[in-house]
C-alpha atoms as a PDB file:
ATOM      1  CA  MET A   1      94.345  91.668 143.892  1.00  0.00           C
ATOM      2  CA  GLU A   2      94.785  92.312 147.742  1.00  0.00           C
ATOM      3  CA  ALA A   3      91.018  91.723 148.213  1.00  0.00           C
ATOM      4  CA  ASP A   4      89.922  88.863 149.892  1.00  0.00           C
ATOM      5  CA  ASP A   5      87.249  87.897 147.027  1.00  0.00           C
ATOM      6  CA  PHE A   6      89.670  88.542 144.162  1.00  0.00           C
ATOM      7  CA  TRP A   7      89.769  85.158 143.041  1.00  0.00           C
ATOM      8  CA  SER A   8      85.834  84.480 143.671  1.00  0.00           C
ATOM      9  CA  ASP A   9      85.738  85.722 139.511  1.00  0.00           C
ATOM     10  CA  GLN A  10      88.011  83.311 137.763  1.00  0.00           C
ATOM     11  CA  ALA A  11      87.521  85.200 134.523  1.00  0.00           C
ATOM     12  CA  LYS A  12      87.321  88.727 136.009  1.00  0.00           C
ATOM     13  CA  ALA A  13      90.659  88.258 138.138  1.00  0.00           C
ATOM     14  CA  ASN A  14      92.531  86.696 135.220  1.00  0.00           C
ATOM     15  CA  ARG A  15      91.960  90.177 132.900  1.00  0.00           C
ATOM     16  CA  ALA A  16      93.507  91.713 135.971  1.00  0.00           C
ATOM     17  CA  VAL A  17      96.532  89.763 136.702  1.00  0.00           C
ATOM     18  CA  SER A  18      97.084  90.309 133.293  1.00  0.00           C
ATOM     19  CA  GLU A  19      96.762  93.959 133.169  1.00  0.00           C
ATOM     20  CA  VAL A  20      99.124  94.041 136.212  1.00  0.00           C
ATOM     21  CA  SER A  21     101.746  92.681 134.207  1.00  0.00           C
ATOM     22  CA  GLU A  22     100.785  94.312 130.840  1.00  0.00           C
ATOM     23  CA  LEU A  23     101.471  97.415 133.142  1.00  0.00           C
ATOM     24  CA  ARG A  24     104.832  96.031 134.936  1.00  0.00           C
ATOM     25  CA  SER A  25     106.061  95.649 131.765  1.00  0.00           C
ATOM     26  CA  TRP A  26     105.990  99.275 131.233  1.00  0.00           C
ATOM     27  CA  ILE A  27     107.336 100.532 134.440  1.00  0.00           C
ATOM     28  CA  LYS A  28     110.061  98.222 134.892  1.00  0.00           C
ATOM     29  CA  PRO A  29     111.923  98.914 131.766  1.00  0.00           C
ATOM     30  CA  CYS A  30     111.050 102.627 131.957  1.00  0.00           C
ATOM     31  CA  ASP A  31     112.725 102.741 135.431  1.00  0.00           C
ATOM     32  CA  GLU A  32     115.434 100.769 134.648  1.00  0.00           C
ATOM     33  CA  MET A  33     116.588 103.171 132.170  1.00  0.00           C
ATOM     34  CA  ALA A  34     116.359 105.984 134.381  1.00  0.00           C
ATOM     35  CA  ARG A  35     118.722 104.756 137.365  1.00  0.00           C
ATOM     36  CA  TRP A  36     120.853 103.360 134.515  1.00  0.00           C
ATOM     37  CA  LEU A  37     121.285 107.443 133.075  1.00  0.00           C
ATOM     38  CA  GLU A  38     121.887 108.766 136.254  1.00  0.00           C
ATOM     39  CA  ASP A  39     124.139 106.235 137.738  1.00  0.00           C
ATOM     40  CA  ILE A  40     126.061 106.766 133.674  1.00  0.00           C
ATOM     41  CA  LYS A  41     126.217 110.774 134.476  1.00  0.00           C
ATOM     42  CA  ALA A  42     127.608 109.812 137.596  1.00  0.00           C
ATOM     43  CA  ILE A  43     130.408 107.572 135.424  1.00  0.00           C
ATOM     44  CA  LEU A  44     131.228 109.511 132.778  1.00  0.00           C
ATOM     45  CA  GLN A  45     131.744 112.640 134.626  1.00  0.00           C
ATOM     46  CA  ASP A  46     134.469 110.411 136.121  1.00  0.00           C
ATOM     47  CA  ALA A  47     136.139 108.856 132.673  1.00  0.00           C
ATOM     48  CA  ILE A  48     136.268 112.355 131.028  1.00  0.00           C
ATOM     49  CA  GLU A  49     138.286 114.107 134.543  1.00  0.00           C
ATOM     50  CA  LEU A  50     140.617 111.197 134.974  1.00  0.00           C
ATOM     51  CA  ALA A  51     140.505 110.866 130.768  1.00  0.00           C
ATOM     52  CA  ASP A  52     140.120 107.239 130.788  1.00  0.00           C
ATOM     53  CA  GLU A  53     139.664 105.990 127.008  1.00  0.00           C
ATOM     54  CA  GLU A  54     138.537 102.535 128.114  1.00  0.00           C
ATOM     55  CA  LEU A  55     136.249 103.672 130.385  1.00  0.00           C
ATOM     56  CA  LEU A  56     134.648 106.269 127.575  1.00  0.00           C
ATOM     57  CA  ALA A  57     134.351 103.387 124.890  1.00  0.00           C
ATOM     58  CA  ASP A  58     132.665 101.542 126.961  1.00  0.00           C
ATOM     59  CA  ILE A  59     130.174 103.740 128.620  1.00  0.00           C
ATOM     60  CA  GLU A  60     129.688 105.165 124.358  1.00  0.00           C
ATOM     61  CA  SER A  61     128.781 100.739 123.390  1.00  0.00           C
ATOM     62  CA  GLN A  62     126.247 101.206 126.619  1.00  0.00           C
ATOM     63  CA  LEU A  63     124.756 104.219 124.924  1.00  0.00           C
ATOM     64  CA  LYS A  64     124.680 102.215 121.653  1.00  0.00           C
ATOM     65  CA  GLY A  65     122.690  99.427 122.895  1.00  0.00           C
ATOM     66  CA  LYS A  66     120.815 101.914 125.476  1.00  0.00           C
ATOM     67  CA  ASP A  67     119.932 103.415 122.380  1.00  0.00           C
ATOM     68  CA  GLN A  68     118.042  99.654 120.639  1.00  0.00           C
ATOM     69  CA  GLU A  69     116.095  99.481 123.488  1.00  0.00           C
ATOM     70  CA  LEU A  70     114.923 102.968 123.841  1.00  0.00           C
ATOM     71  CA  SER A  71     113.864 102.479 120.267  1.00  0.00           C
ATOM     72  CA  GLN A  72     111.817  99.108 120.457  1.00  0.00           C
ATOM     73  CA  LEU A  73     110.187 100.943 123.460  1.00  0.00           C
ATOM     74  CA  GLU A  74     109.367 103.418 120.925  1.00  0.00           C
ATOM     75  CA  THR A  75     108.122 101.097 118.936  1.00  0.00           C
ATOM     76  CA  ARG A  76     105.497  99.177 121.534  1.00  0.00           C
ATOM     77  CA  ARG A  77     104.319 102.748 122.004  1.00  0.00           C
ATOM     78  CA  MET A  78     102.740 102.963 119.229  1.00  0.00           C
ATOM     79  CA  LEU A  79     100.910  99.350 119.969  1.00  0.00           C
ATOM     80  CA  SER A  80      98.494 101.106 122.134  1.00  0.00           C
ATOM     81  CA  GLY A  81      95.442  99.911 120.030  1.00  0.00           C
ATOM     82  CA  GLU A  82      92.344  98.247 121.548  1.00  0.00           C
ATOM     83  CA  LEU A  83      93.335  94.951 119.939  1.00  0.00           C
ATOM     84  CA  ASP A  84      96.867  95.565 119.384  1.00  0.00           C
ATOM     85  CA  LYS A  85      98.631  93.152 121.840  1.00  0.00           C
ATOM     86  CA  SER A  86      96.525  90.327 120.459  1.00  0.00           C
ATOM     87  CA  SER A  87      97.281  87.085 118.570  1.00  0.00           C
ATOM     88  CA  CYS A  88      96.553  87.307 115.209  1.00  0.00           C
ATOM     89  CA  PHE A  89      95.319  86.058 111.964  1.00  0.00           C
ATOM     90  CA  LEU A  90      97.313  86.280 108.728  1.00  0.00           C
ATOM     91  CA  ASN A  91      96.220  85.817 104.951  1.00  0.00           C
ATOM     92  CA  ILE A  92      98.204  85.574 102.221  1.00  0.00           C
ATOM     93  CA  ASN A  93      96.462  85.636  98.424  1.00  0.00           C
ATOM     94  CA  SER A  94      97.844  84.752  95.193  1.00  0.00           C
ATOM     95  CA  GLY A  95      97.294  87.995  92.402  1.00  0.00           C
ATOM     96  CA  ALA A  96      97.093  87.917  88.986  1.00  0.00           C
ATOM     97  CA  GLY A  97     100.140  86.203  87.213  1.00  0.00           C
ATOM     98  CA  GLY A  98      99.015  82.037  87.351  1.00  0.00           C
ATOM     99  CA  THR A  99     101.683  80.154  88.230  1.00  0.00           C
ATOM    100  CA  GLU A 100     103.830  83.075  89.452  1.00  0.00           C
ATOM    101  CA  SER A 101     101.947  84.472  91.973  1.00  0.00           C
ATOM    102  CA  CYS A 102     101.199  81.394  93.482  1.00  0.00           C
ATOM    103  CA  ASP A 103     105.069  80.750  93.855  1.00  0.00           C
ATOM    104  CA  TRP A 104     105.412  84.547  94.807  1.00  0.00           C
ATOM    105  CA  ALA A 105     102.590  83.448  97.892  1.00  0.00           C
ATOM    106  CA  GLN A 106     104.060  80.245  98.645  1.00  0.00           C
ATOM    107  CA  MET A 107     107.191  82.244  99.214  1.00  0.00           C
ATOM    108  CA  LEU A 108     105.504  84.849 101.476  1.00  0.00           C
ATOM    109  CA  MET A 109     103.871  82.507 103.663  1.00  0.00           C
ATOM    110  CA  ARG A 110     107.467  81.256 104.189  1.00  0.00           C
ATOM    111  CA  MET A 111     108.615  84.539 105.537  1.00  0.00           C
ATOM    112  CA  TYR A 112     105.903  85.157 107.667  1.00  0.00           C
ATOM    113  CA  SER A 113     106.591  81.946 108.969  1.00  0.00           C
ATOM    114  CA  ARG A 114     110.195  82.231 110.087  1.00  0.00           C
ATOM    115  CA  TRP A 115     109.235  86.148 111.157  1.00  0.00           C
ATOM    116  CA  ALA A 116     106.719  85.283 113.625  1.00  0.00           C
ATOM    117  CA  ALA A 117     109.100  81.842 114.904  1.00  0.00           C
ATOM    118  CA  LYS A 118     112.013  84.385 115.791  1.00  0.00           C
ATOM    119  CA  LYS A 119     109.308  86.635 117.605  1.00  0.00           C
ATOM    120  CA  GLY A 120     108.286  83.769 119.986  1.00  0.00           C
ATOM    121  CA  TYR A 121     104.404  83.604 118.587  1.00  0.00           C
ATOM    122  CA  LYS A 122     103.163  79.718 118.209  1.00  0.00           C
ATOM    123  CA  VAL A 123     102.320  79.379 114.072  1.00  0.00           C
ATOM    124  CA  SER A 124      99.942  77.355 112.716  1.00  0.00           C
ATOM    125  CA  LEU A 125      98.101  76.867 109.623  1.00  0.00           C
ATOM    126  CA  VAL A 126      94.609  77.783 109.639  1.00  0.00           C
ATOM    127  CA  ASP A 127      93.899  77.193 105.462  1.00  0.00           C
ATOM    128  CA  GLN A 128      96.013  76.478 102.566  1.00  0.00           C
ATOM    129  CA  VAL A 129      94.683  76.441  98.720  1.00  0.00           C
ATOM    130  CA  ASP A 130      97.019  75.068  96.859  1.00  0.00           C
ATOM    131  CA  GLY A 131      97.950  76.261  93.142  1.00  0.00           C
ATOM    132  CA  GLU A 132      97.771  74.065  89.960  1.00  0.00           C
ATOM    133  CA  VAL A 133     101.386  73.711  89.215  1.00  0.00           C
ATOM    134  CA  ALA A 134     102.857  75.142  91.964  1.00  0.00           C
ATOM    135  CA  GLY A 135     102.879  77.333  95.248  1.00  0.00           C
ATOM    136  CA  ILE A 136      99.227  78.268  96.996  1.00  0.00           C
ATOM    137  CA  LYS A 137      96.528  80.151  96.055  1.00  0.00           C
ATOM    138  CA  SER A 138      95.762  81.441  99.916  1.00  0.00           C
ATOM    139  CA  ALA A 139      96.911  80.457 103.276  1.00  0.00           C
ATOM    140  CA  THR A 140      95.398  81.550 106.941  1.00  0.00           C
ATOM    141  CA  LEU A 141      98.107  81.488 109.501  1.00  0.00           C
ATOM    142  CA  HIS A 142      97.593  81.701 113.008  1.00  0.00           C
ATOM    143  CA  PHE A 143     100.102  83.348 115.454  1.00  0.00           C
ATOM    144  CA  GLU A 144      99.506  82.940 118.716  1.00  0.00           C
ATOM    145  CA  GLY A 145     101.787  85.828 121.065  1.00  0.00           C
ATOM    146  CA  PRO A 146     101.376  88.808 122.544  1.00  0.00           C
ATOM    147  CA  TYR A 147     101.096  91.959 119.753  1.00  0.00           C
ATOM    148  CA  ALA A 148     101.409  89.545 116.910  1.00  0.00           C
ATOM    149  CA  TYR A 149      97.942  91.734 115.601  1.00  0.00           C
ATOM    150  CA  GLY A 150      99.940  94.695 116.610  1.00  0.00           C
ATOM    151  CA  TYR A 151     103.263  94.074 114.615  1.00  0.00           C
ATOM    152  CA  SER A 152     101.397  92.073 111.830  1.00  0.00           C
ATOM    153  CA  LYS A 153      99.364  94.954 110.754  1.00  0.00           C
ATOM    154  CA  ALA A 154     102.025  96.595 109.140  1.00  0.00           C
ATOM    155  CA  GLU A 155     102.074  94.328 106.541  1.00  0.00           C
ATOM    156  CA  ARG A 156      98.724  94.545 105.161  1.00  0.00           C
ATOM    157  CA  GLY A 157      98.500  95.227 101.493  1.00  0.00           C
ATOM    158  CA  VAL A 158     100.249  94.582  98.002  1.00  0.00           C
ATOM    159  CA  HIS A 159     103.522  93.037  97.917  1.00  0.00           C
ATOM    160  CA  ARG A 160     105.498  92.920  94.510  1.00  0.00           C
ATOM    161  CA  LEU A 161     107.929  90.573  92.606  1.00  0.00           C
ATOM    162  CA  VAL A 162     110.384  91.373  90.241  1.00  0.00           C
ATOM    163  CA  ARG A 163     112.465  88.193  89.560  1.00  0.00           C
ATOM    164  CA  ILE A 164     113.668  85.855  86.642  1.00  0.00           C
ATOM    165  CA  SER A 165     111.090  83.448  86.497  1.00  0.00           C
ATOM    166  CA  PRO A 166     111.885  79.485  86.942  1.00  0.00           C
ATOM    167  CA  PHE A 167     108.786  78.550  85.624  1.00  0.00           C
ATOM    168  CA  ASP A 168     110.121  80.628  82.424  1.00  0.00           C
ATOM    169  CA  SER A 169     112.108  78.728  79.845  1.00  0.00           C
ATOM    170  CA  GLN A 170     113.354  81.794  78.017  1.00  0.00           C
ATOM    171  CA  SER A 171     114.099  83.389  81.698  1.00  0.00           C
ATOM    172  CA  ARG A 172     112.692  86.536  81.247  1.00  0.00           C
ATOM    173  CA  ARG A 173     111.971  88.733  83.903  1.00  0.00           C
ATOM    174  CA  HIS A 174     108.315  88.707  85.420  1.00  0.00           C
ATOM    175  CA  THR A 175     106.156  90.606  87.947  1.00  0.00           C
ATOM    176  CA  SER A 176     104.072  89.023  90.640  1.00  0.00           C
ATOM    177  CA  PHE A 177     101.375  90.396  93.230  1.00  0.00           C
ATOM    178  CA  ALA A 178     100.145  88.597  96.708  1.00  0.00           C
ATOM    179  CA  SER A 179      97.993  90.448  98.621  1.00  0.00           C
ATOM    180  CA  VAL A 180      98.275  89.830 102.940  1.00  0.00           C
ATOM    181  CA  ASP A 181      95.360  90.631 105.024  1.00  0.00           C
ATOM    182  CA  VAL A 182      95.828  90.186 109.232  1.00  0.00           C
ATOM    183  CA  THR A 183      92.810  89.502 111.650  1.00  0.00           C
ATOM    184  CA  PRO A 184      93.059  90.273 114.734  1.00  0.00           C
ATOM    185  CA  GLU A 185      92.196  87.281 117.101  1.00  0.00           C
ATOM    186  CA  ILE A 186      89.389  88.824 119.677  1.00  0.00           C
ATOM    187  CA  SER A 187      88.515  87.293 123.199  1.00  0.00           C
ATOM    188  CA  ASP A 188      85.476  86.128 124.099  1.00  0.00           C
ATOM    189  CA  ASP A 189      84.126  89.294 125.509  1.00  0.00           C
ATOM    190  CA  LEU A 190      84.509  91.219 122.741  1.00  0.00           C
ATOM    191  CA  ALA A 191      82.544  88.188 120.391  1.00  0.00           C
ATOM    192  CA  VAL A 192      80.055  89.666 118.067  1.00  0.00           C
ATOM    193  CA  GLU A 193      76.710  88.416 118.322  1.00  0.00           C
ATOM    194  CA  ILE A 194      75.528  86.667 115.067  1.00  0.00           C
ATOM    195  CA  ASN A 195      72.173  85.879 113.808  1.00  0.00           C
ATOM    196  CA  PRO A 196      72.698  81.273 112.512  1.00  0.00           C
ATOM    197  CA  GLN A 197      70.556  83.035 109.410  1.00  0.00           C
ATOM    198  CA  ASP A 198      73.033  85.052 108.425  1.00  0.00           C
ATOM    199  CA  LEU A 199      75.360  82.349 107.883  1.00  0.00           C
ATOM    200  CA  ARG A 200      76.181  79.215 105.273  1.00  0.00           C
ATOM    201  CA  ILE A 201      78.133  76.926 106.054  1.00  0.00           C
ATOM    202  CA  ASP A 202      79.845  74.365 103.623  1.00  0.00           C
ATOM    203  CA  THR A 203      81.769  71.564 104.158  1.00  0.00           C
ATOM    204  CA  PHE A 204      84.153  70.202 102.115  1.00  0.00           C
ATOM    205  CA  ARG A 205      86.773  67.278 101.783  1.00  0.00           C
ATOM    206  CA  SER A 206      90.715  68.253 103.107  1.00  0.00           C
ATOM    207  CA  SER A 207      93.103  68.983 100.420  1.00  0.00           C
ATOM    208  CA  GLY A 208      96.936  68.003 101.701  1.00  0.00           C
ATOM    209  CA  ALA A 209      99.238  65.106 102.144  1.00  0.00           C
ATOM    210  CA  GLY A 210      97.194  62.554 103.889  1.00  0.00           C
ATOM    211  CA  GLY A 211      96.685  61.884 107.311  1.00  0.00           C
ATOM    212  CA  GLN A 212      93.961  60.038 109.552  1.00  0.00           C
ATOM    213  CA  HIS A 213      91.239  62.501 108.403  1.00  0.00           C
ATOM    214  CA  VAL A 214      92.730  63.895 104.871  1.00  0.00           C
ATOM    215  CA  ASN A 215      90.872  63.205 102.131  1.00  0.00           C
ATOM    216  CA  THR A 216      88.762  60.828 103.638  1.00  0.00           C
ATOM    217  CA  THR A 217      85.800  62.970 105.371  1.00  0.00           C
ATOM    218  CA  ASP A 218      84.334  66.343 105.135  1.00  0.00           C
ATOM    219  CA  SER A 219      85.815  67.716 107.522  1.00  0.00           C
ATOM    220  CA  ALA A 220      86.638  71.193 106.083  1.00  0.00           C
ATOM    221  CA  VAL A 221      84.852  74.036 106.805  1.00  0.00           C
ATOM    222  CA  ARG A 222      84.047  77.056 105.037  1.00  0.00           C
ATOM    223  CA  ILE A 223      81.360  80.335 106.628  1.00  0.00           C
ATOM    224  CA  THR A 224      80.150  83.577 104.915  1.00  0.00           C
ATOM    225  CA  HIS A 225      78.754  86.026 106.852  1.00  0.00           C
ATOM    226  CA  ILE A 226      76.056  86.705 104.312  1.00  0.00           C
ATOM    227  CA  PRO A 227      75.333  90.646 104.671  1.00  0.00           C
ATOM    228  CA  THR A 228      78.804  91.309 104.436  1.00  0.00           C
ATOM    229  CA  GLY A 229      79.871  88.877 102.240  1.00  0.00           C
ATOM    230  CA  ILE A 230      83.290  88.024 104.491  1.00  0.00           C
ATOM    231  CA  VAL A 231      83.818  84.301 104.401  1.00  0.00           C
ATOM    232  CA  ALA A 232      86.483  82.126 106.922  1.00  0.00           C
ATOM    233  CA  SER A 233      88.181  78.826 105.972  1.00  0.00           C
ATOM    234  CA  CYS A 234      89.866  76.201 107.622  1.00  0.00           C
ATOM    235  CA  GLN A 235      90.646  72.807 106.964  1.00  0.00           C
ATOM    236  CA  ASN A 236      93.867  72.335 109.600  1.00  0.00           C
ATOM    237  CA  GLU A 237      92.077  70.459 112.727  1.00  0.00           C
ATOM    238  CA  ARG A 238      90.863  66.925 113.039  1.00  0.00           C
ATOM    239  CA  SER A 239      87.387  67.341 113.125  1.00  0.00           C
ATOM    240  CA  GLN A 240      84.643  69.334 111.470  1.00  0.00           C
ATOM    241  CA  ILE A 241      83.784  70.816 114.667  1.00  0.00           C
ATOM    242  CA  GLN A 242      87.079  71.805 115.452  1.00  0.00           C
ATOM    243  CA  ASN A 243      87.009  73.775 112.423  1.00  0.00           C
ATOM    244  CA  ARG A 244      84.113  75.217 112.404  1.00  0.00           C
ATOM    245  CA  ALA A 245      84.963  76.347 115.768  1.00  0.00           C
ATOM    246  CA  VAL A 246      88.110  77.890 114.175  1.00  0.00           C
ATOM    247  CA  CYS A 247      86.008  79.672 110.929  1.00  0.00           C
ATOM    248  CA  MET A 248      83.613  81.041 113.818  1.00  0.00           C
ATOM    249  CA  LYS A 249      86.665  83.293 115.384  1.00  0.00           C
ATOM    250  CA  MET A 250      87.689  84.269 112.276  1.00  0.00           C
ATOM    251  CA  ILE A 251      84.101  85.774 111.488  1.00  0.00           C
ATOM    252  CA  GLN A 252      83.972  87.114 114.820  1.00  0.00           C
ATOM    253  CA  ALA A 253      87.506  88.660 114.531  1.00  0.00           C
ATOM    254  CA  LYS A 254      86.795  90.430 111.133  1.00  0.00           C
ATOM    255  CA  LEU A 255      82.672  91.286 111.837  1.00  0.00           C
ATOM    256  CA  TYR A 256      84.320  92.962 115.060  1.00  0.00           C
ATOM    257  CA  GLU A 257      86.989  94.881 113.098  1.00  0.00           C
ATOM    258  CA  LYS A 258      84.740  95.768 110.123  1.00  0.00           C
ATOM    259  CA  GLU A 259      82.648  97.686 113.000  1.00  0.00           C
ATOM    260  CA  ALA A 260      85.408  99.093 114.482  1.00  0.00           C
ATOM    261  CA  GLU A 261      86.835 100.638 110.873  1.00  0.00           C
ATOM    262  CA  ASP A 262      83.259 102.015 110.197  1.00  0.00           C
ATOM    263  CA  ARG A 263      82.867 103.788 113.259  1.00  0.00           C
ATOM    264  CA  LYS A 264      86.458 105.436 112.204  1.00  0.00           C
ATOM    265  CA  ALA A 265      85.224 106.190 109.065  1.00  0.00           C
ATOM    266  CA  LYS A 266      82.288 108.118 110.553  1.00  0.00           C
ATOM    267  CA  LEU A 267      84.508 110.156 112.777  1.00  0.00           C
ATOM    268  CA  ASP A 268      86.802 110.632 110.203  1.00  0.00           C
ATOM    269  CA  LYS A 269      84.222 112.035 107.952  1.00  0.00           C
ATOM    270  CA  LEU A 270      82.689 114.222 110.705  1.00  0.00           C
ATOM    271  CA  GLY A 271      86.160 115.667 111.203  1.00  0.00           C
ATOM    272  CA  GLY A 272      86.606 116.337 107.390  1.00  0.00           C
ATOM    273  CA  GLU A 273      90.034 114.354 107.470  1.00  0.00           C
ATOM    274  CA  LYS A 274      90.628 112.430 104.020  1.00  0.00           C
ATOM    275  CA  LYS A 275      93.318 109.542 104.677  1.00  0.00           C
ATOM    276  CA  ASP A 276      94.064 106.448 101.805  1.00  0.00           C
ATOM    277  CA  ASN A 277      92.837 103.159 102.978  1.00  0.00           C
ATOM    278  CA  SER A 278      96.234 101.471 102.568  1.00  0.00           C
ATOM    279  CA  TRP A 279      94.134  97.867 101.734  1.00  0.00           C
ATOM    280  CA  GLY A 280      94.806  96.618  98.138  1.00  0.00           C
ATOM    281  CA  SER A 281      98.245  99.307  97.837  1.00  0.00           C
ATOM    282  CA  GLN A 282     100.935  98.414  96.888  1.00  0.00           C
ATOM    283  CA  ILE A 283     103.339  98.680 100.396  1.00  0.00           C
ATOM    284  CA  ARG A 284     106.675  96.874  99.174  1.00  0.00           C
ATOM    285  CA  SER A 285     108.636  95.643  96.041  1.00  0.00           C
ATOM    286  CA  TYR A 286     110.984  92.991  96.280  1.00  0.00           C
ATOM    287  CA  VAL A 287     113.675  93.065  93.395  1.00  0.00           C
ATOM    288  CA  PHE A 288     115.392  89.972  92.869  1.00  0.00           C
ATOM    289  CA  ALA A 289     117.139  91.036  89.719  1.00  0.00           C
ATOM    290  CA  PRO A 290     117.995  93.008  87.172  1.00  0.00           C
ATOM    291  CA  TYR A 291     119.365  93.897  91.310  1.00  0.00           C
ATOM    292  CA  GLN A 292     119.060  92.976  94.469  1.00  0.00           C
ATOM    293  CA  LEU A 293     116.313  96.078  96.656  1.00  0.00           C
ATOM    294  CA  VAL A 294     113.915  95.338  99.013  1.00  0.00           C
ATOM    295  CA  LYS A 295     111.804  98.714  99.363  1.00  0.00           C
ATOM    296  CA  ASP A 296     108.677 100.242 101.094  1.00  0.00           C
ATOM    297  CA  ASN A 297     106.740 102.569  99.172  1.00  0.00           C
ATOM    298  CA  ARG A 298     105.197 103.966 102.575  1.00  0.00           C
ATOM    299  CA  THR A 299     108.478 104.499 104.699  1.00  0.00           C
ATOM    300  CA  LYS A 300     110.792 104.857 101.803  1.00  0.00           C
ATOM    301  CA  VAL A 301     112.838 102.099 104.128  1.00  0.00           C
ATOM    302  CA  GLU A 302     115.360  99.351 102.010  1.00  0.00           C
ATOM    303  CA  THR A 303     117.793  96.926 101.909  1.00  0.00           C
ATOM    304  CA  GLY A 304     119.831  94.786  99.360  1.00  0.00           C
ATOM    305  CA  GLN A 305     119.760  91.937 101.821  1.00  0.00           C
ATOM    306  CA  VAL A 306     117.207  90.133  99.898  1.00  0.00           C
ATOM    307  CA  SER A 307     118.258  86.118 101.531  1.00  0.00           C
ATOM    308  CA  ALA A 308     117.726  88.442 105.074  1.00  0.00           C
ATOM    309  CA  VAL A 309     114.537  89.553 104.343  1.00  0.00           C
ATOM    310  CA  MET A 310     113.237  86.126 102.943  1.00  0.00           C
ATOM    311  CA  ASP A 311     114.133  84.293 105.853  1.00  0.00           C
ATOM    312  CA  GLY A 312     112.318  86.701 108.280  1.00  0.00           C
ATOM    313  CA  ASP A 313     114.214  89.430 108.792  1.00  0.00           C
ATOM    314  CA  ILE A 314     111.567  92.167 107.937  1.00  0.00           C
ATOM    315  CA  ASP A 315     111.142  94.358 111.857  1.00  0.00           C
ATOM    316  CA  PRO A 316     113.418  96.891 110.353  1.00  0.00           C
ATOM    317  CA  PHE A 317     109.915  97.842 107.312  1.00  0.00           C
ATOM    318  CA  ILE A 318     107.422  97.058 110.381  1.00  0.00           C
ATOM    319  CA  GLU A 319     108.910  99.658 113.530  1.00  0.00           C
ATOM    320  CA  ALA A 320     109.699 102.071 110.720  1.00  0.00           C
ATOM    321  CA  TYR A 321     105.751 101.257 109.817  1.00  0.00           C
ATOM    322  CA  LEU A 322     104.756 101.643 113.213  1.00  0.00           C
ATOM    323  CA  LYS A 323     106.971 104.738 114.010  1.00  0.00           C
ATOM    324  CA  ALA A 324     105.722 106.349 110.909  1.00  0.00           C
ATOM    325  CA  PHE A 325     101.637 105.186 111.129  1.00  0.00           C
ATOM    326  CA  GLY A 326     101.019 103.624 114.403  1.00  0.00           C
ATOM    327  CA  GLY A 327      99.107 106.280 115.861  1.00  0.00           C
ATOM    328  CA  GLU A 328      96.835 106.832 113.405  1.00  0.00           C
ATOM    329  CA  GLU A 329      95.107 102.772 113.727  1.00  0.00           C
END
């Protein structure tokens, strides 16, 4: 970075600055933790010799705080994958069950939007297909911020809801399902080359509450990658060109991720590894009635604070998953 021609290549220079910033974000907390530990050792010895109960209580309180910081560093250590630090697209699809599942999908969209906002990510709605009566059939959210993909990938899979249905006149208990998929947003230098002839591009009229272009022009775009069947759609932007650009970013990201998964599958086969694919599996149950409980089927982490979870308090589930399985991603 001290070289005279460092800024002659802006793109390369920015990548270097970003890498340095990333390294410093690791070194600084580790150095501070080490210095604090040396200081507290000396203070602790004095507190024991003086039998200073107040000071001992203060040290214990500080230890709990540092233990939490260390736990956060441990979780972040698991986010060492090539794309973990990327922004991402989170897609929600309602399962079988009609209106019940559509309503559940919308509840999940609200939960993830609140969680992402608490993490400091910029949240935007890329695409949404409303249910016929209530809720949504599908939606795609864009989370923009550091490690958005690394954290969000823990939510892949099927989410199950058990509750007294608000749509059932007899107030019976219903079970609903919705699936969540997460795709990293890849940078331009990782973009996959796509043959234009492999793409089918459809345009249609945007749905929504209205606006300058909504419901008046065929600005919404759906792109299908014919060889793989991968589909991406966007209707959030004002123009067809902008929507097409967002769709292409999602298609490229999904193709890049698919290539990485195919490479990993080949290596696993050569190594004789047999691992269950988490895609499409039921990862978490949300029970609203007859009791209240949210339980992760992978890590066994559970809580009775259902309202807090639906307000976006899902970090305990994500952190437990990353500590248990993050290194395998």
